[in-house]
Amino acid sequence: MAAVHQLTEPEINQELTRLSGWTIAAGKLHKSFQFPSFVEAFGFMARVALLAEAMNHHPEWSNVYNRVVIDLVTHDAGGISRKDFVLAAKIDAVS
């Protein structure tokens, strides 16, 4: 597998234009999702878990009732990589 590399700030800003609602917070790709109920939030987390496992790239996240907060960073790269943006787009597709 090819090594992943940390993106530069201009590369990150370019990638952000392709996503909706994602920001950079504390050096991580960040987004908060809100759902009508806890069950729907948990179902979303289950879908994301399957995507993340298939990519072997796991989010940092939290869930309180109907809200899910996700942070993405590639520890092996020492920061945000293209892999984070690929997973973010997949997460948006199942939200």
PDB file of N, CA and C in Angstrom:
ATOM      1  N   MET A   1       0.844  -1.184   0.000  1.00  0.00           N
ATOM      2  CA  MET A   1       0.000   0.000   0.000  1.00  0.00           C
ATOM      3  C   MET A   1       0.885   1.242   0.000  1.00  0.00           C
ATOM      4  N   ALA A   2       0.510   2.212  -0.776  1.00  0.00           N
ATOM      5  CA  ALA A   2       1.280   3.454  -0.872  1.00  0.00           C
ATOM      6  C   ALA A   2       1.153   4.242   0.428  1.00  0.00           C
ATOM      7  N   ALA A   3       2.213   4.911   0.789  1.00  0.00           N
ATOM      8  CA  ALA A   3       2.198   5.742   1.990  1.00  0.00           C
ATOM      9  C   ALA A   3       1.276   6.939   1.776  1.00  0.00           C
ATOM     10  N   VAL A   4       0.600   7.327   2.841  1.00  0.00           N
ATOM     11  CA  VAL A   4      -0.246   8.515   2.765  1.00  0.00           C
ATOM     12  C   VAL A   4       0.555   9.706   3.277  1.00  0.00           C
ATOM     13  N   HIS A   5       0.279  10.862   2.711  1.00  0.00           N
ATOM     14  CA  HIS A   5       1.024  12.065   3.063  1.00  0.00           C
ATOM     15  C   HIS A   5       0.077  13.149   3.549  1.00  0.00           C
ATOM     16  N   GLN A   6       0.555  13.913   4.488  1.00  0.00           N
ATOM     17  CA  GLN A   6      -0.201  15.049   4.993  1.00  0.00           C
ATOM     18  C   GLN A   6      -0.359  16.077   3.880  1.00  0.00           C
ATOM     19  N   LEU A   7      -1.573  16.582   3.731  1.00  0.00           N
ATOM     20  CA  LEU A   7      -1.837  17.605   2.722  1.00  0.00           C
ATOM     21  C   LEU A   7      -1.357  18.970   3.211  1.00  0.00           C
ATOM     22  N   THR A   8      -1.012  19.813   2.263  1.00  0.00           N
ATOM     23  CA  THR A   8      -0.645  21.187   2.590  1.00  0.00           C
ATOM     24  C   THR A   8      -1.920  21.995   2.829  1.00  0.00           C
ATOM     25  N   GLU A   9      -1.783  23.164   3.413  1.00  0.00           N
ATOM     26  CA  GLU A   9      -2.948  24.012   3.654  1.00  0.00           C
ATOM     27  C   GLU A   9      -3.685  24.362   2.360  1.00  0.00           C
ATOM     28  N   PRO A  10      -2.990  24.736   1.267  1.00  0.00           N
ATOM     29  CA  PRO A  10      -3.717  24.990   0.015  1.00  0.00           C
ATOM     30  C   PRO A  10      -4.447  23.740  -0.503  1.00  0.00           C
ATOM     31  N   GLU A  11      -3.843  22.578  -0.363  1.00  0.00           N
ATOM     32  CA  GLU A  11      -4.506  21.340  -0.800  1.00  0.00           C
ATOM     33  C   GLU A  11      -5.746  21.069   0.045  1.00  0.00           C
ATOM     34  N   ILE A  12      -5.642  21.284   1.346  1.00  0.00           N
ATOM     35  CA  ILE A  12      -6.791  21.096   2.238  1.00  0.00           C
ATOM     36  C   ILE A  12      -7.908  22.057   1.856  1.00  0.00           C
ATOM     37  N   ASN A  13      -7.574  23.316   1.638  1.00  0.00           N
ATOM     38  CA  ASN A  13      -8.589  24.309   1.262  1.00  0.00           C
ATOM     39  C   ASN A  13      -9.261  23.951  -0.056  1.00  0.00           C
ATOM     40  N   GLN A  14      -8.509  23.432  -1.000  1.00  0.00           N
ATOM     41  CA  GLN A  14      -9.080  22.998  -2.280  1.00  0.00           C
ATOM     42  C   GLN A  14     -10.035  21.827  -2.068  1.00  0.00           C
ATOM     43  N   GLU A  15      -9.620  20.856  -1.275  1.00  0.00           N
ATOM     44  CA  GLU A  15     -10.472  19.688  -1.001  1.00  0.00           C
ATOM     45  C   GLU A  15     -11.752  20.095  -0.269  1.00  0.00           C
ATOM     46  N   LEU A  16     -11.657  21.055   0.634  1.00  0.00           N
ATOM     47  CA  LEU A  16     -12.837  21.510   1.379  1.00  0.00           C
ATOM     48  C   LEU A  16     -13.916  22.064   0.466  1.00  0.00           C
ATOM     49  N   THR A  17     -13.537  22.617  -0.681  1.00  0.00           N
ATOM     50  CA  THR A  17     -14.534  23.170  -1.603  1.00  0.00           C
ATOM     51  C   THR A  17     -15.421  22.081  -2.186  1.00  0.00           C
ATOM     52  N   ARG A  18     -14.985  20.842  -2.123  1.00  0.00           N
ATOM     53  CA  ARG A  18     -15.754  19.720  -2.676  1.00  0.00           C
ATOM     54  C   ARG A  18     -16.722  19.109  -1.668  1.00  0.00           C
ATOM     55  N   LEU A  19     -16.651  19.557  -0.415  1.00  0.00           N
ATOM     56  CA  LEU A  19     -17.493  19.004   0.643  1.00  0.00           C
ATOM     57  C   LEU A  19     -18.420  20.078   1.191  1.00  0.00           C
ATOM     58  N   SER A  20     -19.520  19.648   1.775  1.00  0.00           N
ATOM     59  CA  SER A  20     -20.472  20.582   2.365  1.00  0.00           C
ATOM     60  C   SER A  20     -20.474  20.428   3.887  1.00  0.00           C
ATOM     61  N   GLY A  21     -20.221  21.532   4.577  1.00  0.00           N
ATOM     62  CA  GLY A  21     -20.340  21.532   6.028  1.00  0.00           C
ATOM     63  C   GLY A  21     -19.126  21.061   6.806  1.00  0.00           C
ATOM     64  N   TRP A  22     -18.101  20.608   6.123  1.00  0.00           N
ATOM     65  CA  TRP A  22     -16.883  20.167   6.799  1.00  0.00           C
ATOM     66  C   TRP A  22     -15.977  21.374   7.018  1.00  0.00           C
ATOM     67  N   THR A  23     -15.329  21.419   8.174  1.00  0.00           N
ATOM     68  CA  THR A  23     -14.393  22.482   8.509  1.00  0.00           C
ATOM     69  C   THR A  23     -13.112  21.856   9.055  1.00  0.00           C
ATOM     70  N   ILE A  24     -12.145  22.691   9.329  1.00  0.00           N
ATOM     71  CA  ILE A  24     -10.934  22.242  10.008  1.00  0.00           C
ATOM     72  C   ILE A  24     -11.025  22.740  11.445  1.00  0.00           C
ATOM     73  N   ALA A  25     -10.888  21.824  12.398  1.00  0.00           N
ATOM     74  CA  ALA A  25     -10.913  22.173  13.819  1.00  0.00           C
ATOM     75  C   ALA A  25      -9.826  21.368  14.519  1.00  0.00           C
ATOM     76  N   ALA A  26      -8.949  22.060  15.192  1.00  0.00           N
ATOM     77  CA  ALA A  26      -7.854  21.420  15.936  1.00  0.00           C
ATOM     78  C   ALA A  26      -7.029  20.494  15.044  1.00  0.00           C
ATOM     79  N   GLY A  27      -6.826  20.922  13.788  1.00  0.00           N
ATOM     80  CA  GLY A  27      -6.002  20.148  12.867  1.00  0.00           C
ATOM     81  C   GLY A  27      -6.657  18.901  12.307  1.00  0.00           C
ATOM     82  N   LYS A  28      -7.988  18.834  12.425  1.00  0.00           N
ATOM     83  CA  LYS A  28      -8.731  17.668  11.939  1.00  0.00           C
ATOM     84  C   LYS A  28      -9.893  18.124  11.060  1.00  0.00           C
ATOM     85  N   LEU A  29     -10.300  17.258  10.158  1.00  0.00           N
ATOM     86  CA  LEU A  29     -11.490  17.490   9.349  1.00  0.00           C
ATOM     87  C   LEU A  29     -12.688  17.235  10.263  1.00  0.00           C
ATOM     88  N   HIS A  30     -13.615  18.180  10.349  1.00  0.00           N
ATOM     89  CA  HIS A  30     -14.646  18.158  11.393  1.00  0.00           C
ATOM     90  C   HIS A  30     -16.035  18.444  10.814  1.00  0.00           C
ATOM     91  N   LYS A  31     -17.016  17.679  11.312  1.00  0.00           N
ATOM     92  CA  LYS A  31     -18.408  17.961  10.949  1.00  0.00           C
ATOM     93  C   LYS A  31     -19.331  17.414  12.029  1.00  0.00           C
ATOM     94  N   SER A  32     -20.420  18.136  12.247  1.00  0.00           N
ATOM     95  CA  SER A  32     -21.453  17.717  13.184  1.00  0.00           C
ATOM     96  C   SER A  32     -22.719  17.388  12.399  1.00  0.00           C
ATOM     97  N   PHE A  33     -23.321  16.261  12.719  1.00  0.00           N
ATOM     98  CA  PHE A  33     -24.549  15.815  12.059  1.00  0.00           C
ATOM     99  C   PHE A  33     -25.660  15.761  13.100  1.00  0.00           C
ATOM    100  N   GLN A  34     -26.879  16.137  12.696  1.00  0.00           N
ATOM    101  CA  GLN A  34     -28.028  16.041  13.588  1.00  0.00           C
ATOM    102  C   GLN A  34     -29.131  15.269  12.879  1.00  0.00           C
ATOM    103  N   PHE A  35     -29.774  14.371  13.621  1.00  0.00           N
ATOM    104  CA  PHE A  35     -30.803  13.495  13.081  1.00  0.00           C
ATOM    105  C   PHE A  35     -32.088  13.656  13.887  1.00  0.00           C
ATOM    106  N   PRO A  36     -33.212  13.188  13.347  1.00  0.00           N
ATOM    107  CA  PRO A  36     -34.481  13.327  14.063  1.00  0.00           C
ATOM    108  C   PRO A  36     -34.552  12.540  15.377  1.00  0.00           C
ATOM    109  N   SER A  37     -33.746  11.477  15.499  1.00  0.00           N
ATOM    110  CA  SER A  37     -33.829  10.638  16.694  1.00  0.00           C
ATOM    111  C   SER A  37     -32.494   9.953  16.967  1.00  0.00           C
ATOM    112  N   PHE A  38     -32.383   9.383  18.154  1.00  0.00           N
ATOM    113  CA  PHE A  38     -31.199   8.607  18.506  1.00  0.00           C
ATOM    114  C   PHE A  38     -31.045   7.404  17.589  1.00  0.00           C
ATOM    115  N   VAL A  39     -32.149   6.736  17.282  1.00  0.00           N
ATOM    116  CA  VAL A  39     -32.091   5.541  16.429  1.00  0.00           C
ATOM    117  C   VAL A  39     -31.516   5.893  15.060  1.00  0.00           C
ATOM    118  N   GLU A  40     -31.928   7.009  14.495  1.00  0.00           N
ATOM    119  CA  GLU A  40     -31.392   7.412  13.189  1.00  0.00           C
ATOM    120  C   GLU A  40     -29.918   7.800  13.286  1.00  0.00           C
ATOM    121  N   ALA A  41     -29.531   8.454  14.367  1.00  0.00           N
ATOM    122  CA  ALA A  41     -28.117   8.796  14.565  1.00  0.00           C
ATOM    123  C   ALA A  41     -27.282   7.525  14.691  1.00  0.00           C
ATOM    124  N   PHE A  42     -27.788   6.561  15.438  1.00  0.00           N
ATOM    125  CA  PHE A  42     -27.053   5.313  15.631  1.00  0.00           C
ATOM    126  C   PHE A  42     -26.975   4.520  14.331  1.00  0.00           C
ATOM    127  N   GLY A  43     -28.042   4.530  13.547  1.00  0.00           N
ATOM    128  CA  GLY A  43     -28.019   3.866  12.239  1.00  0.00           C
ATOM    129  C   GLY A  43     -26.972   4.483  11.328  1.00  0.00           C
ATOM    130  N   PHE A  44     -26.873   5.810  11.360  1.00  0.00           N
ATOM    131  CA  PHE A  44     -25.841   6.514  10.597  1.00  0.00           C
ATOM    132  C   PHE A  44     -24.458   6.058  11.042  1.00  0.00           C
ATOM    133  N   MET A  45     -24.242   5.969  12.342  1.00  0.00           N
ATOM    134  CA  MET A  45     -22.943   5.537  12.855  1.00  0.00           C
ATOM    135  C   MET A  45     -22.617   4.116  12.398  1.00  0.00           C
ATOM    136  N   ALA A  46     -23.618   3.257  12.349  1.00  0.00           N
ATOM    137  CA  ALA A  46     -23.388   1.885  11.878  1.00  0.00           C
ATOM    138  C   ALA A  46     -22.964   1.885  10.411  1.00  0.00           C
ATOM    139  N   ARG A  47     -23.622   2.709   9.592  1.00  0.00           N
ATOM    140  CA  ARG A  47     -23.249   2.792   8.173  1.00  0.00           C
ATOM    141  C   ARG A  47     -21.823   3.321   8.013  1.00  0.00           C
ATOM    142  N   VAL A  48     -21.489   4.348   8.784  1.00  0.00           N
ATOM    143  CA  VAL A  48     -20.140   4.919   8.722  1.00  0.00           C
ATOM    144  C   VAL A  48     -19.108   3.899   9.193  1.00  0.00           C
ATOM    145  N   ALA A  49     -19.438   3.144  10.223  1.00  0.00           N
ATOM    146  CA  ALA A  49     -18.501   2.135  10.737  1.00  0.00           C
ATOM    147  C   ALA A  49     -18.142   1.124   9.655  1.00  0.00           C
ATOM    148  N   LEU A  50     -19.111   0.706   8.862  1.00  0.00           N
ATOM    149  CA  LEU A  50     -18.842  -0.253   7.781  1.00  0.00           C
ATOM    150  C   LEU A  50     -17.945   0.368   6.712  1.00  0.00           C
ATOM    151  N   LEU A  51     -18.207   1.618   6.360  1.00  0.00           N
ATOM    152  CA  LEU A  51     -17.356   2.314   5.383  1.00  0.00           C
ATOM    153  C   LEU A  51     -15.928   2.458   5.908  1.00  0.00           C
ATOM    154  N   ALA A  52     -15.821   2.888   7.151  1.00  0.00           N
ATOM    155  CA  ALA A  52     -14.509   3.118   7.755  1.00  0.00           C
ATOM    156  C   ALA A  52     -13.714   1.822   7.846  1.00  0.00           C
ATOM    157  N   GLU A  53     -14.373   0.760   8.229  1.00  0.00           N
ATOM    158  CA  GLU A  53     -13.688  -0.529   8.344  1.00  0.00           C
ATOM    159  C   GLU A  53     -13.209  -1.005   6.980  1.00  0.00           C
ATOM    160  N   ALA A  54     -14.026  -0.815   5.961  1.00  0.00           N
ATOM    161  CA  ALA A  54     -13.638  -1.221   4.604  1.00  0.00           C
ATOM    162  C   ALA A  54     -12.406  -0.446   4.130  1.00  0.00           C
ATOM    163  N   MET A  55     -12.263   0.800   4.585  1.00  0.00           N
ATOM    164  CA  MET A  55     -11.109   1.626   4.213  1.00  0.00           C
ATOM    165  C   MET A  55      -9.940   1.467   5.182  1.00  0.00           C
ATOM    166  N   ASN A  56     -10.194   0.772   6.303  1.00  0.00           N
ATOM    167  CA  ASN A  56      -9.217   0.696   7.395  1.00  0.00           C
ATOM    168  C   ASN A  56      -8.787   2.107   7.817  1.00  0.00           C
ATOM    169  N   HIS A  57      -9.795   2.959   7.953  1.00  0.00           N
ATOM    170  CA  HIS A  57      -9.560   4.362   8.326  1.00  0.00           C
ATOM    171  C   HIS A  57     -10.709   4.779   9.234  1.00  0.00           C
ATOM    172  N   HIS A  58     -10.433   4.942  10.506  1.00  0.00           N
ATOM    173  CA  HIS A  58     -11.493   5.057  11.493  1.00  0.00           C
ATOM    174  C   HIS A  58     -11.615   6.472  12.051  1.00  0.00           C
ATOM    175  N   PRO A  59     -12.846   6.971  12.145  1.00  0.00           N
ATOM    176  CA  PRO A  59     -13.066   8.333  12.632  1.00  0.00           C
ATOM    177  C   PRO A  59     -12.908   8.429  14.146  1.00  0.00           C
ATOM    178  N   GLU A  60     -12.650   9.633  14.594  1.00  0.00           N
ATOM    179  CA  GLU A  60     -12.821   9.975  15.999  1.00  0.00           C
ATOM    180  C   GLU A  60     -14.219  10.580  16.049  1.00  0.00           C
ATOM    181  N   TRP A  61     -15.075  10.051  16.907  1.00  0.00           N
ATOM    182  CA  TRP A  61     -16.440  10.552  16.904  1.00  0.00           C
ATOM    183  C   TRP A  61     -17.083  10.446  18.266  1.00  0.00           C
ATOM    184  N   SER A  62     -18.188  11.179  18.403  1.00  0.00           N
ATOM    185  CA  SER A  62     -18.986  11.100  19.618  1.00  0.00           C
ATOM    186  C   SER A  62     -20.453  11.194  19.228  1.00  0.00           C
ATOM    187  N   ASN A  63     -21.282  10.659  20.106  1.00  0.00           N
ATOM    188  CA  ASN A  63     -22.723  10.662  19.882  1.00  0.00           C
ATOM    189  C   ASN A  63     -23.415  11.048  21.181  1.00  0.00           C
ATOM    190  N   VAL A  64     -24.265  12.062  21.101  1.00  0.00           N
ATOM    191  CA  VAL A  64     -25.148  12.410  22.204  1.00  0.00           C
ATOM    192  C   VAL A  64     -26.540  12.520  21.608  1.00  0.00           C
ATOM    193  N   TYR A  65     -27.395  11.598  22.010  1.00  0.00           N
ATOM    194  CA  TYR A  65     -28.768  11.470  21.534  1.00  0.00           C
ATOM    195  C   TYR A  65     -28.843  11.503  20.007  1.00  0.00           C
ATOM    196  N   ASN A  66     -29.282  12.617  19.418  1.00  0.00           N
ATOM    197  CA  ASN A  66     -29.482  12.648  17.960  1.00  0.00           C
ATOM    198  C   ASN A  66     -28.346  13.354  17.222  1.00  0.00           C
ATOM    199  N   ARG A  67     -27.250  13.612  17.913  1.00  0.00           N
ATOM    200  CA  ARG A  67     -26.132  14.356  17.321  1.00  0.00           C
ATOM    201  C   ARG A  67     -24.895  13.466  17.250  1.00  0.00           C
ATOM    202  N   VAL A  68     -24.222  13.502  16.103  1.00  0.00           N
ATOM    203  CA  VAL A  68     -22.971  12.773  15.904  1.00  0.00           C
ATOM    204  C   VAL A  68     -21.924  13.779  15.438  1.00  0.00           C
ATOM    205  N   VAL A  69     -20.810  13.830  16.131  1.00  0.00           N
ATOM    206  CA  VAL A  69     -19.704  14.715  15.777  1.00  0.00           C
ATOM    207  C   VAL A  69     -18.551  13.841  15.301  1.00  0.00           C
ATOM    208  N   ILE A  70     -18.015  14.166  14.130  1.00  0.00           N
ATOM    209  CA  ILE A  70     -16.948  13.363  13.531  1.00  0.00           C
ATOM    210  C   ILE A  70     -15.725  14.228  13.274  1.00  0.00           C
ATOM    211  N   ASP A  71     -14.567  13.685  13.646  1.00  0.00           N
ATOM    212  CA  ASP A  71     -13.274  14.276  13.316  1.00  0.00           C
ATOM    213  C   ASP A  71     -12.473  13.239  12.555  1.00  0.00           C
ATOM    214  N   LEU A  72     -11.838  13.671  11.475  1.00  0.00           N
ATOM    215  CA  LEU A  72     -11.011  12.785  10.658  1.00  0.00           C
ATOM    216  C   LEU A  72      -9.598  13.334  10.578  1.00  0.00           C
ATOM    217  N   VAL A  73      -8.638  12.461  10.789  1.00  0.00           N
ATOM    218  CA  VAL A  73      -7.223  12.798  10.664  1.00  0.00           C
ATOM    219  C   VAL A  73      -6.485  11.494  10.392  1.00  0.00           C
ATOM    220  N   THR A  74      -5.423  11.569   9.628  1.00  0.00           N
ATOM    221  CA  THR A  74      -4.628  10.379   9.321  1.00  0.00           C
ATOM    222  C   THR A  74      -3.382  10.413  10.195  1.00  0.00           C
ATOM    223  N   HIS A  75      -3.403   9.634  11.260  1.00  0.00           N
ATOM    224  CA  HIS A  75      -2.297   9.641  12.215  1.00  0.00           C
ATOM    225  C   HIS A  75      -0.980   9.247  11.554  1.00  0.00           C
ATOM    226  N   ASP A  76      -1.030   8.272  10.638  1.00  0.00           N
ATOM    227  CA  ASP A  76       0.193   7.831   9.950  1.00  0.00           C
ATOM    228  C   ASP A  76       0.819   8.946   9.117  1.00  0.00           C
ATOM    229  N   ALA A  77      -0.004   9.891   8.675  1.00  0.00           N
ATOM    230  CA  ALA A  77       0.496  11.006   7.863  1.00  0.00           C
ATOM    231  C   ALA A  77       0.869  12.210   8.727  1.00  0.00           C
ATOM    232  N   GLY A  78       0.478  12.170   9.983  1.00  0.00           N
ATOM    233  CA  GLY A  78       0.762  13.300  10.862  1.00  0.00           C
ATOM    234  C   GLY A  78      -0.172  14.474  10.668  1.00  0.00           C
ATOM    235  N   GLY A  79      -1.323  14.232  10.058  1.00  0.00           N
ATOM    236  CA  GLY A  79      -2.293  15.302   9.822  1.00  0.00           C
ATOM    237  C   GLY A  79      -3.352  14.853   8.839  1.00  0.00           C
ATOM    238  N   ILE A  80      -4.002  15.795   8.228  1.00  0.00           N
ATOM    239  CA  ILE A  80      -5.078  15.509   7.279  1.00  0.00           C
ATOM    240  C   ILE A  80      -4.483  15.043   5.957  1.00  0.00           C
ATOM    241  N   SER A  81      -5.027  13.947   5.443  1.00  0.00           N
ATOM    242  CA  SER A  81      -4.582  13.403   4.152  1.00  0.00           C
ATOM    243  C   SER A  81      -5.780  13.294   3.212  1.00  0.00           C
ATOM    244  N   ARG A  82      -5.503  12.947   1.985  1.00  0.00           N
ATOM    245  CA  ARG A  82      -6.567  12.749   1.005  1.00  0.00           C
ATOM    246  C   ARG A  82      -7.535  11.655   1.471  1.00  0.00           C
ATOM    247  N   LYS A  83      -7.007  10.685   2.202  1.00  0.00           N
ATOM    248  CA  LYS A  83      -7.836   9.594   2.721  1.00  0.00           C
ATOM    249  C   LYS A  83      -8.973  10.136   3.599  1.00  0.00           C
ATOM    250  N   ASP A  84      -8.705  11.191   4.346  1.00  0.00           N
ATOM    251  CA  ASP A  84      -9.741  11.800   5.182  1.00  0.00           C
ATOM    252  C   ASP A  84     -10.855  12.394   4.333  1.00  0.00           C
ATOM    253  N   PHE A  85     -10.484  13.011   3.233  1.00  0.00           N
ATOM    254  CA  PHE A  85     -11.489  13.606   2.350  1.00  0.00           C
ATOM    255  C   PHE A  85     -12.300  12.541   1.618  1.00  0.00           C
ATOM    256  N   VAL A  86     -11.671  11.435   1.269  1.00  0.00           N
ATOM    257  CA  VAL A  86     -12.398  10.327   0.637  1.00  0.00           C
ATOM    258  C   VAL A  86     -13.438   9.787   1.614  1.00  0.00           C
ATOM    259  N   LEU A  87     -13.033   9.557   2.863  1.00  0.00           N
ATOM    260  CA  LEU A  87     -13.983   9.055   3.852  1.00  0.00           C
ATOM    261  C   LEU A  87     -15.068  10.089   4.135  1.00  0.00           C
ATOM    262  N   ALA A  88     -14.723  11.359   4.214  1.00  0.00           N
ATOM    263  CA  ALA A  88     -15.725  12.407   4.454  1.00  0.00           C
ATOM    264  C   ALA A  88     -16.796  12.404   3.367  1.00  0.00           C
ATOM    265  N   ALA A  89     -16.396  12.266   2.120  1.00  0.00           N
ATOM    266  CA  ALA A  89     -17.366  12.228   1.015  1.00  0.00           C
ATOM    267  C   ALA A  89     -18.267  11.005   1.138  1.00  0.00           C
ATOM    268  N   LYS A  90     -17.699   9.875   1.527  1.00  0.00           N
ATOM    269  CA  LYS A  90     -18.503   8.661   1.711  1.00  0.00           C
ATOM    270  C   LYS A  90     -19.465   8.826   2.884  1.00  0.00           C
ATOM    271  N   ILE A  91     -19.010   9.478   3.942  1.00  0.00           N
ATOM    272  CA  ILE A  91     -19.872   9.737   5.094  1.00  0.00           C
ATOM    273  C   ILE A  91     -21.042  10.620   4.676  1.00  0.00           C
ATOM    274  N   ASP A  92     -20.765  11.672   3.928  1.00  0.00           N
ATOM    275  CA  ASP A  92     -21.844  12.545   3.454  1.00  0.00           C
ATOM    276  C   ASP A  92     -22.858  11.766   2.621  1.00  0.00           C
ATOM    277  N   ALA A  93     -22.384  10.817   1.843  1.00  0.00           N
ATOM    278  CA  ALA A  93     -23.273  10.048   0.966  1.00  0.00           C
ATOM    279  C   ALA A  93     -24.240   9.162   1.747  1.00  0.00           C
ATOM    280  N   VAL A  94     -23.891   8.785   2.980  1.00  0.00           N
ATOM    281  CA  VAL A  94     -24.783   7.921   3.764  1.00  0.00           C
ATOM    282  C   VAL A  94     -25.482   8.676   4.892  1.00  0.00           C
ATOM    283  N   SER A  95     -25.319  10.006   4.916  1.00  0.00           N
ATOM    284  CA  SER A  95     -25.939  10.776   6.007  1.00  0.00           C
ATOM    285  C   SER A  95     -27.386  11.115   5.702  1.00  0.00           C
TER     286      SER A  95
END
